[in-house]
Amino acid sequence: MSGYPNPPESEDVLGTREDVLDSGTPGRPRRWIAAAGVAIVALVGWNVLGSGPDETIAPIAASQTFEPPSGWTVDPEQVVSSNPDQADQLTFVDDQNGFLVQYLCSQSTGGAACPRRLLATTDGGSSWEARATIPVYAEPFHTLLVESELRLALIDTSTLARMARSFDGGRSWRLLPITRAEPAAAPEGALVVADIDPRCAQECAGPLAWIDPTDQALHLLPSQPAAAEAAFPGLQSVGTDGDIVVGSSAGSAGLVSMSTDGGLSWNEARLDVPQREGWAQVESRGLAAGNGRAFVFVQAFDEVGLDATYSFRTDDGGRTWVELPAEGEAAYFPVGVLDGELIATDLPGRIFRSEAGGTRWVEAGSLAGGPYLYQAIPDSPVLATVLNSQGNASYHLSTDLISWTPMPLPGS
């Protein structure tokens, strides 16, 4: 896998720097109720196919260099569906109860948005029940926030002024306003977003805030990270224990801010990377792994696109960072975290997991067809989406990347 070297077990890939942060794999809470999915989704799309920073990538995007996975066959007489149904935003409450948003695109006509409905499982994903169709007024509400098996919310993150609320597990919905409240530290499981800044153009992100679905309130964080105020602020990543990581550009280096107390205080760091001729800009994105651990990926773009990726890790809440071996090459962006280690995939369908705090990579398993992986929050189950030659998707669920459970979803 390009950019993921696998050094010998005996090789000290970090040299003397390894002792600074080698605190072992942090303990992992099995609490999956959280709402960091908005950050993870965007991070996946940002680089799953080596795209530029301003592009939005669909789960399976067209690429001129794409080679069909082994076993992929197309019958010339078969008509490929132009509007297949889709599903995403898999979020589990616990080991048995979870939710999924299903897009019924096969019912969409005339370029209209795909109708959506909520699916629910009570047996760990082995079977799924269709709940009520999501109301039309909630069409632009794309962020699912799950509090419990009964209490849900869909957030309008484009305005941060409204939410669709369900108190019966998605069987019915109500439109409620989001009001502004006093600044407060973000608790574990909070949805951290960039506030809307009316003084800026649409692409200008405002200060960081979090949404409390219980009283439909938006709270600014008590203090703001330097990375969120940069010219090109990145998306924030939030761990299950409330750790917040924000990455951005600092000229020729990556800038990263990390908080382990819900935004009361921040540790700031500048991550310098070797410069190459022709680079147009440098950006950084992060993944919170919980218990003070986080990963940051500094990527450099030339005029054509992604040119190089450099990876870093902290185990002490962002006070110190070490560079991980990534050969300075363009690499597929990790899509999530399990037990403090990164997970990623490549187009042929191989699934990888890091070891020793991201210092080496091993192949964990595979799924025929070239899966697109999605994880809502660190340590939660991983959803794999596989498209067949007719454009239809099948879904698989895993908690360890090795064994995968097929997810038969209700049809249209």
Protein backbone atom coordinates (compact mmCIF):
# COMPACT_ATOMS: atom_id res chain seq x y z
CA MET A 1 0.00 0.00 0.00
CA SER A 2 1.71 3.15 -1.16
CA GLY A 3 2.85 5.36 1.68
CA TYR A 4 2.38 2.69 4.37
CA PRO A 5 5.77 1.07 4.94
CA ASN A 6 5.94 -2.01 7.09
CA PRO A 7 9.35 -1.96 8.84
CA PRO A 8 10.74 -5.04 10.58
CA GLU A 9 9.49 -5.68 14.09
CA SER A 10 12.95 -5.03 15.49
CA GLU A 11 13.43 -1.70 13.72
CA ASP A 12 13.03 1.39 15.87
CA VAL A 13 11.21 3.46 13.29
CA LEU A 14 11.06 6.55 15.50
CA GLY A 15 14.54 6.34 16.93
CA THR A 16 15.01 8.10 20.23
CA ARG A 17 11.77 10.03 19.73
CA GLU A 18 9.67 6.91 20.33
CA ASP A 19 10.29 7.09 24.07
CA VAL A 20 8.68 10.51 24.23
CA LEU A 21 5.20 9.28 23.39
CA ASP A 22 5.23 5.51 23.63
CA SER A 23 2.59 5.16 26.29
CA GLY A 24 1.03 2.05 24.80
CA THR A 25 -2.41 1.79 23.30
CA PRO A 26 -4.77 4.02 25.26
CA GLY A 27 -7.72 2.41 26.99
CA ARG A 28 -10.83 2.43 24.81
CA PRO A 29 -14.28 3.15 26.23
CA ARG A 30 -17.01 1.16 24.49
CA ARG A 31 -19.37 4.11 24.49
CA TRP A 32 -20.56 4.79 20.97
CA ILE A 33 -23.14 7.54 21.53
CA ALA A 34 -21.48 10.58 19.96
CA ALA A 35 -21.69 12.85 16.96
CA ALA A 36 -18.28 13.26 15.40
CA GLY A 37 -19.51 11.71 12.17
CA VAL A 38 -19.58 15.04 10.36
CA ALA A 39 -15.80 15.35 10.73
CA ILE A 40 -15.03 11.77 9.75
CA VAL A 41 -17.25 11.86 6.66
CA ALA A 42 -15.53 14.95 5.35
CA LEU A 43 -12.09 13.55 6.08
CA VAL A 44 -12.80 10.39 4.13
CA GLY A 45 -13.96 12.33 1.12
CA TRP A 46 -11.01 14.71 1.33
CA ASN A 47 -8.42 12.18 0.27
CA VAL A 48 -9.80 8.74 -0.41
CA LEU A 49 -8.74 9.09 -4.03
CA GLY A 50 -6.01 11.68 -3.66
CA SER A 51 -8.29 14.63 -4.34
CA GLY A 52 -7.55 18.26 -3.79
CA PRO A 53 -8.67 20.04 -0.64
CA ASP A 54 -11.68 21.70 -2.23
CA GLU A 55 -13.19 18.64 -3.88
CA THR A 56 -16.01 16.54 -2.48
CA ILE A 57 -15.62 12.83 -3.11
CA ALA A 58 -18.54 10.44 -3.31
CA PRO A 59 -18.19 7.01 -1.67
CA ILE A 60 -17.02 5.55 -4.98
CA ALA A 61 -15.71 8.27 -7.24
CA ALA A 62 -14.76 8.15 -10.90
CA SER A 63 -11.04 8.20 -11.60
CA GLN A 64 -9.15 7.99 -14.86
CA THR A 65 -6.56 5.77 -13.20
CA PHE A 66 -9.04 3.43 -11.47
CA GLU A 67 -8.46 -0.27 -12.04
CA PRO A 68 -11.54 -2.46 -11.36
CA PRO A 69 -11.02 -4.82 -8.43
CA SER A 70 -10.45 -8.50 -9.02
CA GLY A 71 -13.70 -10.31 -9.79
CA TRP A 72 -15.47 -7.19 -11.09
CA THR A 73 -17.30 -8.09 -14.28
CA VAL A 74 -19.80 -6.19 -16.40
CA ASP A 75 -22.28 -7.74 -18.81
CA PRO A 76 -22.47 -5.42 -21.86
CA GLU A 77 -26.22 -6.07 -22.08
CA GLN A 78 -26.87 -5.07 -18.48
CA VAL A 79 -28.07 -1.54 -17.83
CA VAL A 80 -26.20 0.16 -15.00
CA SER A 81 -28.54 1.88 -12.56
CA SER A 82 -28.15 5.66 -12.66
CA ASN A 83 -29.99 6.16 -9.37
CA PRO A 84 -29.21 3.33 -6.92
CA ASP A 85 -30.29 3.54 -3.29
CA GLN A 86 -27.57 4.42 -0.79
CA ALA A 87 -27.01 4.36 2.96
CA ASP A 88 -24.62 6.06 5.34
CA GLN A 89 -24.19 7.61 8.82
CA LEU A 90 -24.10 4.29 10.64
CA THR A 91 -24.24 5.16 14.36
CA PHE A 92 -24.53 2.65 17.21
CA VAL A 93 -25.86 3.36 20.67
CA ASP A 94 -24.44 0.15 22.11
CA ASP A 95 -23.54 -3.35 20.92
CA GLN A 96 -27.09 -4.08 19.74
CA ASN A 97 -28.88 -0.82 18.92
CA GLY A 98 -27.92 1.33 15.95
CA PHE A 99 -29.22 3.57 13.18
CA LEU A 100 -28.55 4.15 9.50
CA VAL A 101 -29.81 6.79 7.06
CA GLN A 102 -31.06 5.28 3.78
CA TYR A 103 -31.31 7.37 0.60
CA LEU A 104 -34.08 6.05 -1.66
CA CYS A 105 -32.54 7.47 -4.82
CA SER A 106 -34.40 4.97 -7.02
CA GLN A 107 -37.55 6.94 -6.15
CA SER A 108 -36.05 10.29 -7.14
CA THR A 109 -37.10 11.80 -10.47
CA GLY A 110 -36.30 14.95 -12.37
CA GLY A 111 -33.11 15.67 -10.46
CA ALA A 112 -34.94 15.97 -7.13
CA ALA A 113 -33.16 15.12 -3.89
CA CYS A 114 -33.33 11.48 -2.82
CA PRO A 115 -36.04 10.74 -0.23
CA ARG A 116 -34.56 9.51 3.04
CA ARG A 117 -35.71 7.26 5.84
CA LEU A 118 -34.18 6.04 9.06
CA LEU A 119 -33.28 2.38 9.52
CA ALA A 120 -32.81 0.82 12.95
CA THR A 121 -31.31 -2.40 14.27
CA THR A 122 -31.79 -4.02 17.67
CA ASP A 123 -29.63 -7.10 17.02
CA GLY A 124 -26.21 -5.64 16.28
CA GLY A 125 -26.83 -5.06 12.58
CA SER A 126 -28.00 -8.53 11.54
CA SER A 127 -31.43 -7.14 10.57
CA TRP A 128 -32.78 -3.64 9.91
CA GLU A 129 -36.23 -2.13 10.32
CA ALA A 130 -37.43 0.85 8.28
CA ARG A 131 -38.72 3.65 10.48
CA ALA A 132 -40.54 6.79 9.27
CA THR A 133 -39.47 8.71 6.18
CA ILE A 134 -37.48 11.79 7.11
CA PRO A 135 -39.65 14.89 6.49
CA VAL A 136 -39.11 16.96 3.35
CA TYR A 137 -38.39 20.06 5.45
CA ALA A 138 -35.32 18.26 6.79
CA GLU A 139 -33.86 17.70 3.32
CA PRO A 140 -30.77 19.87 4.05
CA PHE A 141 -30.29 18.38 7.54
CA HIS A 142 -27.45 15.94 6.93
CA THR A 143 -25.85 15.39 10.33
CA LEU A 144 -27.33 12.60 12.44
CA LEU A 145 -26.94 12.97 16.20
CA VAL A 146 -27.85 9.89 18.28
CA GLU A 147 -28.36 10.25 22.03
CA SER A 148 -30.11 6.96 22.79
CA GLU A 149 -32.18 4.29 21.09
CA LEU A 150 -35.17 6.67 21.26
CA ARG A 151 -33.74 10.20 21.13
CA LEU A 152 -32.30 11.37 17.79
CA ALA A 153 -31.70 14.61 15.93
CA LEU A 154 -30.87 15.69 12.39
CA ILE A 155 -28.95 18.97 12.43
CA ASP A 156 -29.09 21.70 9.80
CA THR A 157 -25.35 22.44 9.88
CA SER A 158 -25.65 24.93 7.00
CA THR A 159 -27.45 27.46 9.24
CA LEU A 160 -27.18 25.99 12.77
CA ALA A 161 -30.66 27.37 13.34
CA ARG A 162 -32.86 24.27 13.13
CA MET A 163 -32.99 20.58 13.89
CA ALA A 164 -35.41 17.74 13.23
CA ARG A 165 -36.00 15.93 16.50
CA SER A 166 -37.29 12.43 17.22
CA PHE A 167 -38.17 11.07 20.63
CA ASP A 168 -39.38 7.65 19.48
CA GLY A 169 -36.42 6.19 17.63
CA GLY A 170 -37.12 7.86 14.30
CA ARG A 171 -40.77 6.87 13.99
CA SER A 172 -41.84 10.54 14.02
CA TRP A 173 -40.07 13.90 13.73
CA ARG A 174 -40.56 17.49 14.92
CA LEU A 175 -38.97 20.69 13.61
CA LEU A 176 -37.35 22.66 16.45
CA PRO A 177 -35.23 25.83 16.51
CA ILE A 178 -31.65 25.89 17.77
CA THR A 179 -31.12 28.76 20.20
CA ARG A 180 -27.83 30.35 21.25
CA ALA A 181 -26.69 29.93 24.83
CA GLU A 182 -23.70 30.87 26.99
CA PRO A 183 -20.24 29.46 26.17
CA ALA A 184 -19.56 26.12 27.82
CA ALA A 185 -17.11 23.25 27.64
CA ALA A 186 -18.17 20.45 25.29
CA PRO A 187 -19.06 17.23 27.13
CA GLU A 188 -18.22 13.73 25.93
CA GLY A 189 -20.25 12.80 22.86
CA ALA A 190 -20.99 16.41 21.88
CA LEU A 191 -21.37 17.48 18.27
CA VAL A 192 -18.67 20.10 17.71
CA VAL A 193 -19.22 22.35 14.68
CA ALA A 194 -17.87 25.55 13.17
CA ASP A 195 -20.31 28.33 13.95
CA ILE A 196 -21.75 30.44 11.14
CA ASP A 197 -19.90 33.76 10.90
CA PRO A 198 -22.19 36.32 9.21
CA ARG A 199 -19.22 38.62 8.54
CA CYS A 200 -17.59 36.08 6.25
CA ALA A 201 -18.34 34.54 2.92
CA GLN A 202 -19.81 31.06 2.88
CA GLU A 203 -16.40 29.37 2.87
CA CYS A 204 -15.29 31.24 6.00
CA ALA A 205 -15.67 29.13 9.14
CA GLY A 206 -16.66 30.77 12.39
CA PRO A 207 -15.61 29.89 15.95
CA LEU A 208 -16.08 26.35 17.24
CA ALA A 209 -19.25 25.51 19.13
CA TRP A 210 -21.21 22.46 20.23
CA ILE A 211 -24.88 21.60 20.04
CA ASP A 212 -26.86 20.33 23.02
CA PRO A 213 -29.86 18.46 21.59
CA THR A 214 -31.59 18.22 24.96
CA ASP A 215 -32.43 21.93 25.09
CA GLN A 216 -31.72 22.62 21.39
CA ALA A 217 -28.92 25.04 22.27
CA LEU A 218 -25.65 26.03 20.62
CA HIS A 219 -22.74 26.85 22.94
CA LEU A 220 -19.47 28.43 21.82
CA LEU A 221 -16.41 26.71 23.27
CA PRO A 222 -14.91 28.67 26.20
CA SER A 223 -11.73 29.32 24.21
CA GLN A 224 -10.87 28.99 20.55
CA PRO A 225 -7.97 27.04 18.99
CA ALA A 226 -5.41 28.85 16.87
CA ALA A 227 -5.90 26.31 14.10
CA ALA A 228 -9.56 27.30 13.73
CA GLU A 229 -8.54 30.90 13.07
CA ALA A 230 -6.07 30.11 10.28
CA ALA A 231 -6.62 31.08 6.66
CA PHE A 232 -7.52 27.49 5.72
CA PRO A 233 -9.02 25.90 8.84
CA GLY A 234 -9.52 22.16 8.70
CA LEU A 235 -12.37 20.12 10.07
CA GLN A 236 -12.39 19.19 13.73
CA SER A 237 -12.31 15.59 14.95
CA VAL A 238 -13.87 14.65 18.29
CA GLY A 239 -13.17 11.47 20.24
CA THR A 240 -15.65 9.56 22.36
CA ASP A 241 -14.02 10.96 25.49
CA GLY A 242 -14.36 14.56 24.29
CA ASP A 243 -10.83 15.13 22.97
CA ILE A 244 -10.92 17.71 20.15
CA VAL A 245 -8.35 17.99 17.36
CA VAL A 246 -8.26 20.78 14.77
CA GLY A 247 -5.77 21.03 11.92
CA SER A 248 -5.06 23.83 9.46
CA SER A 249 -2.39 25.44 7.30
CA ALA A 250 0.44 27.46 8.77
CA GLY A 251 2.13 28.56 5.58
CA SER A 252 4.66 25.85 4.77
CA ALA A 253 3.72 23.70 7.78
CA GLY A 254 0.72 22.16 9.42
CA LEU A 255 -0.85 23.80 12.45
CA VAL A 256 -2.69 21.64 14.97
CA SER A 257 -4.65 22.46 18.12
CA MET A 258 -5.81 19.85 20.64
CA SER A 259 -8.01 20.07 23.73
CA THR A 260 -8.64 17.34 26.29
CA ASP A 261 -11.02 19.39 28.44
CA GLY A 262 -13.84 20.23 26.05
CA GLY A 263 -12.31 23.45 24.74
CA LEU A 264 -11.36 25.08 28.06
CA SER A 265 -7.68 25.05 27.01
CA TRP A 266 -5.64 24.10 23.95
CA ASN A 267 -2.21 22.72 23.17
CA GLU A 268 -0.86 24.28 19.97
CA ALA A 269 1.81 22.82 17.70
CA ARG A 270 3.44 23.61 14.36
CA LEU A 271 4.34 20.51 12.34
CA ASP A 272 7.04 21.33 9.81
CA VAL A 273 7.49 19.11 6.76
CA PRO A 274 10.17 19.10 4.02
CA GLN A 275 9.41 21.53 1.23
CA ARG A 276 9.32 20.58 -2.41
CA GLU A 277 9.47 22.81 -5.43
CA GLY A 278 6.08 23.49 -6.96
CA TRP A 279 3.99 23.07 -3.81
CA ALA A 280 0.97 25.35 -3.83
CA GLN A 281 -0.27 24.87 -0.26
CA VAL A 282 -0.04 22.70 2.83
CA GLU A 283 -3.00 21.54 4.92
CA SER A 284 -3.44 19.29 7.93
CA ARG A 285 -6.28 17.13 9.19
CA GLY A 286 -6.54 15.12 12.37
CA LEU A 287 -8.20 12.10 13.94
CA ALA A 288 -8.85 12.00 17.68
CA ALA A 289 -8.13 8.54 19.05
CA GLY A 290 -9.12 9.16 22.69
CA ASN A 291 -7.21 9.17 25.97
CA GLY A 292 -4.87 11.92 24.78
CA ARG A 293 -3.89 10.20 21.55
CA ALA A 294 -4.43 11.77 18.14
CA PHE A 295 -3.08 11.50 14.62
CA VAL A 296 -2.47 14.41 12.26
CA PHE A 297 -1.80 14.18 8.54
CA VAL A 298 -0.04 17.09 6.85
CA GLN A 299 -0.61 17.07 3.12
CA ALA A 300 1.05 19.17 0.46
CA PHE A 301 -0.65 20.03 -2.80
CA ASP A 302 0.94 21.18 -6.03
CA GLU A 303 -0.93 22.77 -8.91
CA VAL A 304 -2.17 19.35 -10.08
CA GLY A 305 -3.26 17.85 -6.78
CA LEU A 306 -1.96 15.90 -3.80
CA ASP A 307 1.83 15.56 -3.86
CA ALA A 308 2.89 14.26 -0.44
CA THR A 309 1.52 13.18 2.94
CA TYR A 310 3.28 13.23 6.31
CA SER A 311 1.84 11.67 9.46
CA PHE A 312 2.27 12.58 13.14
CA ARG A 313 1.05 11.21 16.49
CA THR A 314 0.64 12.51 20.01
CA ASP A 315 -0.08 10.51 23.16
CA ASP A 316 -0.14 13.42 25.61
CA GLY A 317 -2.99 15.61 24.44
CA GLY A 318 -1.02 17.49 21.81
CA ARG A 319 1.87 18.73 23.94
CA THR A 320 4.43 16.76 21.94
CA TRP A 321 4.30 15.12 18.51
CA VAL A 322 6.42 12.56 16.67
CA GLU A 323 6.50 11.95 12.94
CA LEU A 324 5.39 8.52 11.75
CA PRO A 325 7.00 6.66 8.85
CA ALA A 326 5.03 7.48 5.72
CA GLU A 327 7.85 7.89 3.18
CA GLY A 328 6.58 11.33 2.28
CA GLU A 329 4.36 9.83 -0.40
CA ALA A 330 0.72 10.38 -1.26
CA ALA A 331 -1.23 7.84 0.78
CA TYR A 332 -4.84 6.88 1.22
CA PHE A 333 -6.27 8.81 4.13
CA PRO A 334 -7.14 6.71 7.20
CA VAL A 335 -10.89 6.66 7.74
CA GLY A 336 -11.11 5.95 11.45
CA VAL A 337 -9.65 4.53 14.63
CA LEU A 338 -10.02 1.20 16.45
CA ASP A 339 -8.35 0.67 19.85
CA GLY A 340 -6.06 3.64 19.28
CA GLU A 341 -4.89 2.45 15.86
CA LEU A 342 -5.72 3.74 12.38
CA ILE A 343 -7.80 1.95 9.76
CA ALA A 344 -7.64 2.47 6.00
CA THR A 345 -8.33 0.78 2.68
CA ASP A 346 -7.19 0.90 -0.93
CA LEU A 347 -9.02 0.57 -4.23
CA PRO A 348 -8.32 -3.14 -4.77
CA GLY A 349 -10.27 -3.79 -1.58
CA ARG A 350 -7.52 -4.51 0.90
CA ILE A 351 -8.19 -3.31 4.44
CA PHE A 352 -5.34 -2.13 6.62
CA ARG A 353 -4.84 -1.45 10.31
CA SER A 354 -1.87 0.23 11.93
CA GLU A 355 0.16 -1.20 14.80
CA ALA A 356 2.44 0.29 17.46
CA GLY A 357 0.74 3.67 17.40
CA GLY A 358 0.68 4.01 13.64
CA THR A 359 4.35 3.12 13.10
CA ARG A 360 3.60 0.19 10.80
CA TRP A 361 0.69 -1.24 8.81
CA VAL A 362 -0.69 -4.75 8.45
CA GLU A 363 -3.38 -6.08 6.15
CA ALA A 364 -6.40 -6.85 8.33
CA GLY A 365 -8.72 -8.34 5.74
CA SER A 366 -10.45 -7.70 2.46
CA LEU A 367 -13.83 -7.42 0.80
CA ALA A 368 -14.31 -8.18 -2.88
CA GLY A 369 -15.37 -5.19 -4.92
CA GLY A 370 -13.26 -2.42 -3.42
CA PRO A 371 -15.09 -1.28 -0.26
CA TYR A 372 -15.57 2.29 0.88
CA LEU A 373 -15.16 2.37 4.67
CA TYR A 374 -16.99 4.70 7.05
CA GLN A 375 -16.81 5.12 10.80
CA ALA A 376 -18.97 7.67 12.62
CA ILE A 377 -16.78 8.02 15.71
CA PRO A 378 -13.57 6.39 16.99
CA ASP A 379 -13.97 2.81 18.20
CA SER A 380 -17.47 2.43 16.78
CA PRO A 381 -18.37 -0.29 14.23
CA VAL A 382 -17.12 0.18 10.68
CA LEU A 383 -19.49 0.26 7.70
CA ALA A 384 -18.21 -1.05 4.36
CA THR A 385 -20.06 -0.12 1.18
CA VAL A 386 -19.40 -2.17 -1.97
CA LEU A 387 -20.79 -1.30 -5.40
CA ASN A 388 -21.37 -4.04 -7.95
CA SER A 389 -21.10 -3.67 -11.72
CA GLN A 390 -24.72 -2.53 -11.94
CA GLY A 391 -24.13 0.35 -9.53
CA ASN A 392 -26.05 -1.21 -6.64
CA ALA A 393 -24.58 -1.16 -3.13
CA SER A 394 -24.22 -3.90 -0.55
CA TYR A 395 -23.25 -3.21 3.05
CA HIS A 396 -21.13 -5.02 5.61
CA LEU A 397 -20.45 -4.37 9.30
CA SER A 398 -17.35 -5.08 11.35
CA THR A 399 -16.00 -4.29 14.80
CA ASP A 400 -12.51 -5.70 14.20
CA LEU A 401 -11.89 -5.32 10.40
CA ILE A 402 -11.42 -9.08 10.11
CA SER A 403 -14.93 -10.53 10.25
CA TRP A 404 -17.68 -8.78 8.27
CA THR A 405 -21.42 -9.23 8.72
CA PRO A 406 -23.62 -8.67 5.65
CA MET A 407 -26.31 -6.05 6.29
CA PRO A 408 -29.52 -6.83 4.37
CA LEU A 409 -31.34 -3.50 4.17
CA PRO A 410 -35.05 -3.03 3.40
CA GLY A 411 -35.73 -2.30 -0.27
CA SER A 412 -37.48 0.70 -1.71
